[in-house]
C-alpha atoms as a PDB file:
ATOM      1  CA  MET A   1     -17.805   1.648  -3.816  1.00  0.00           C
ATOM      2  CA  PHE A   2     -19.308  -2.144  -4.965  1.00  0.00           C
ATOM      3  CA  ALA A   3     -23.007  -0.866  -5.597  1.00  0.00           C
ATOM      4  CA  ASP A   4     -20.975   1.482  -8.235  1.00  0.00           C
ATOM      5  CA  VAL A   5     -19.750  -1.879  -9.561  1.00  0.00           C
ATOM      6  CA  PHE A   6     -22.572  -4.358  -8.830  1.00  0.00           C
ATOM      7  CA  GLU A   7     -24.719  -1.708 -11.349  1.00  0.00           C
ATOM      8  CA  ARG A   8     -22.416  -1.424 -13.946  1.00  0.00           C
ATOM      9  CA  ASP A   9     -21.419  -4.839 -14.251  1.00  0.00           C
ATOM     10  CA  PRO A  10     -24.596  -7.932 -14.130  1.00  0.00           C
ATOM     11  CA  LEU A  11     -22.159 -10.540 -13.557  1.00  0.00           C
ATOM     12  CA  SER A  12     -19.169  -8.634 -11.077  1.00  0.00           C
ATOM     13  CA  SER A  13     -18.309 -10.211  -7.917  1.00  0.00           C
ATOM     14  CA  ALA A  14     -16.321  -8.677  -5.064  1.00  0.00           C
ATOM     15  CA  GLY A  15     -14.423  -9.554  -2.235  1.00  0.00           C
ATOM     16  CA  PHE A  16     -11.908  -7.870   0.831  1.00  0.00           C
ATOM     17  CA  VAL A  17      -9.858  -8.603   3.482  1.00  0.00           C
ATOM     18  CA  GLY A  18      -9.473  -7.057   6.747  1.00  0.00           C
ATOM     19  CA  GLU A  19      -5.965  -6.511   6.769  1.00  0.00           C
ATOM     20  CA  ALA A  20      -4.637  -7.173  10.160  1.00  0.00           C
ATOM     21  CA  SER A  21      -3.389  -4.526  12.203  1.00  0.00           C
ATOM     22  CA  LEU A  22      -0.348  -4.515  14.244  1.00  0.00           C
ATOM     23  CA  GLY A  23       0.866  -7.345  16.108  1.00  0.00           C
ATOM     24  CA  GLU A  24      -2.644  -8.924  15.771  1.00  0.00           C
ATOM     25  CA  ASN A  25      -2.872 -12.387  13.603  1.00  0.00           C
ATOM     26  CA  GLN A  26      -4.376 -12.989  10.456  1.00  0.00           C
ATOM     27  CA  ALA A  27      -7.171 -15.405  11.111  1.00  0.00           C
ATOM     28  CA  PHE A  28     -10.320 -13.343  12.317  1.00  0.00           C
ATOM     29  CA  THR A  29      -9.278  -9.551  12.370  1.00  0.00           C
ATOM     30  CA  LYS A  30     -11.392  -6.848  14.056  1.00  0.00           C
ATOM     31  CA  ARG A  31     -11.345  -5.096  10.599  1.00  0.00           C
ATOM     32  CA  PHE A  32     -12.789  -8.345   9.476  1.00  0.00           C
ATOM     33  CA  ARG A  33     -14.584  -8.550  11.819  1.00  0.00           C
ATOM     34  CA  ILE A  34     -15.982  -4.894  11.214  1.00  0.00           C
ATOM     35  CA  TYR A  35     -17.096  -5.759   7.935  1.00  0.00           C
ATOM     36  CA  PHE A  36     -18.307  -8.506   7.871  1.00  0.00           C
ATOM     37  CA  GLN A  37     -21.054  -7.016  10.095  1.00  0.00           C
ATOM     38  CA  ALA A  38     -21.671  -4.215   7.429  1.00  0.00           C
ATOM     39  CA  VAL A  39     -21.318  -7.031   4.922  1.00  0.00           C
ATOM     40  CA  ILE A  40     -23.969  -9.729   6.384  1.00  0.00           C
ATOM     41  CA  THR A  41     -26.067  -6.553   7.148  1.00  0.00           C
ATOM     42  CA  PHE A  42     -26.925  -4.435   3.350  1.00  0.00           C
ATOM     43  CA  VAL A  43     -25.609  -7.255   1.272  1.00  0.00           C
ATOM     44  CA  GLU A  44     -28.823  -9.075  -0.444  1.00  0.00           C
ATOM     45  CA  PRO A  45     -28.692 -12.933  -0.296  1.00  0.00           C
ATOM     46  CA  THR A  46     -30.593 -13.163  -3.336  1.00  0.00           C
ATOM     47  CA  ARG A  47     -28.641 -11.244  -5.255  1.00  0.00           C
ATOM     48  CA  PHE A  48     -25.015 -12.962  -3.568  1.00  0.00           C
ATOM     49  CA  ILE A  49     -23.579 -16.460  -1.934  1.00  0.00           C
ATOM     50  CA  HIS A  50     -21.989 -15.387   0.794  1.00  0.00           C
ATOM     51  CA  HIS A  51     -18.726 -16.941   1.382  1.00  0.00           C
ATOM     52  CA  PRO A  52     -17.113 -15.498   4.596  1.00  0.00           C
ATOM     53  CA  MET A  53     -13.529 -16.392   4.715  1.00  0.00           C
ATOM     54  CA  SER A  54     -12.308 -15.918   8.299  1.00  0.00           C
ATOM     55  CA  GLY A  55      -8.880 -17.926   8.577  1.00  0.00           C
ATOM     56  CA  ILE A  56      -7.747 -15.164   6.174  1.00  0.00           C
ATOM     57  CA  SER A  57      -9.863 -12.595   7.007  1.00  0.00           C
ATOM     58  CA  ALA A  58     -11.308 -12.569   3.742  1.00  0.00           C
ATOM     59  CA  TYR A  59     -14.898 -12.031   2.269  1.00  0.00           C
ATOM     60  CA  PHE A  60     -15.928 -13.075  -1.059  1.00  0.00           C
ATOM     61  CA  LEU A  61     -19.686 -11.956  -2.647  1.00  0.00           C
ATOM     62  CA  GLU A  62     -20.242 -14.536  -5.294  1.00  0.00           C
ATOM     63  CA  ARG A  63     -22.944 -13.011  -8.186  1.00  0.00           C
ATOM     64  CA  ARG A  64     -25.508 -15.732  -8.300  1.00  0.00           C
ATOM     65  CA  ALA A  65     -26.300 -14.364 -12.112  1.00  0.00           C
ATOM     66  CA  ASN A  66     -22.561 -15.161 -12.590  1.00  0.00           C
ATOM     67  CA  PRO A  67     -22.012 -18.569 -14.593  1.00  0.00           C
ATOM     68  CA  ASP A  68     -19.230 -18.978 -13.605  1.00  0.00           C
ATOM     69  CA  PRO A  69     -18.628 -22.649 -11.437  1.00  0.00           C
ATOM     70  CA  ASP A  70     -15.298 -22.295  -9.865  1.00  0.00           C
ATOM     71  CA  LEU A  71     -15.743 -18.786  -9.493  1.00  0.00           C
ATOM     72  CA  LYS A  72     -15.206 -19.479  -5.257  1.00  0.00           C
ATOM     73  CA  ALA A  73     -12.229 -21.428  -6.128  1.00  0.00           C
ATOM     74  CA  LYS A  74     -10.942 -18.817  -8.469  1.00  0.00           C
ATOM     75  CA  ALA A  75     -11.286 -15.846  -5.618  1.00  0.00           C
ATOM     76  CA  GLU A  76     -10.236 -18.294  -2.818  1.00  0.00           C
ATOM     77  CA  ARG A  77      -6.493 -19.086  -4.567  1.00  0.00           C
ATOM     78  CA  MET A  78      -6.681 -15.103  -5.957  1.00  0.00           C
ATOM     79  CA  PHE A  79      -7.192 -13.910  -1.960  1.00  0.00           C
ATOM     80  CA  ARG A  80      -5.024 -16.192  -1.130  1.00  0.00           C
ATOM     81  CA  ASP A  81      -1.789 -15.518  -3.277  1.00  0.00           C
ATOM     82  CA  LEU A  82      -2.454 -11.343  -2.774  1.00  0.00           C
ATOM     83  CA  TYR A  83      -2.322 -11.976   0.559  1.00  0.00           C
ATOM     84  CA  ILE A  84       0.556 -13.457   1.510  1.00  0.00           C
ATOM     85  CA  VAL A  85       2.843 -11.593  -0.678  1.00  0.00           C
ATOM     86  CA  PRO A  86       3.055  -8.306   1.428  1.00  0.00           C
ATOM     87  CA  GLN A  87       4.581 -10.920   4.139  1.00  0.00           C
ATOM     88  CA  VAL A  88       6.807 -12.392   1.281  1.00  0.00           C
ATOM     89  CA  LEU A  89       8.110  -9.039   0.034  1.00  0.00           C
ATOM     90  CA  ASP A  90       9.224  -8.349   3.239  1.00  0.00           C
ATOM     91  CA  GLU A  91      10.783 -11.274   3.774  1.00  0.00           C
ATOM     92  CA  GLY A  92      13.097  -9.739   1.170  1.00  0.00           C
ATOM     93  CA  LYS A  93      13.704  -6.738   3.052  1.00  0.00           C
ATOM     94  CA  PRO A  94      16.480  -5.937   5.617  1.00  0.00           C
ATOM     95  CA  ASN A  95      15.726  -5.517   9.127  1.00  0.00           C
ATOM     96  CA  PRO A  96      17.529  -2.429  10.250  1.00  0.00           C
ATOM     97  CA  LEU A  97      17.973  -4.213  13.728  1.00  0.00           C
ATOM     98  CA  ASN A  98      19.899  -7.477  12.483  1.00  0.00           C
ATOM     99  CA  SER A  99      22.393  -5.807  10.306  1.00  0.00           C
ATOM    100  CA  GLY A 100      25.367  -5.994  12.275  1.00  0.00           C
ATOM    101  CA  ASN A 101      25.521  -2.040  12.233  1.00  0.00           C
ATOM    102  CA  GLY A 102      24.542  -1.414  16.104  1.00  0.00           C
ATOM    103  CA  GLY A 103      20.578  -0.678  15.074  1.00  0.00           C
END
């Protein structure tokens, strides 16, 4: 998927989040470690700057040709904003185990 986007847009960058499995901490998840290995193996550092963010299991591939000096900071904000959203939404949902109706 990334390769197709990269071919069509010479300024494109990409990223991913390695979602945590049930009961797994969000930092340095198993999925992140697997995707990380694939990226460092197959994505050339001559065309991309690699930015692993293991604390949130995110990875940003910054296209060297992109002239935006704030691109990394924007990507980090986006990852943090988007990665927190599912947790915030889940906090507002009723928990059937604590609903007072016995379960």
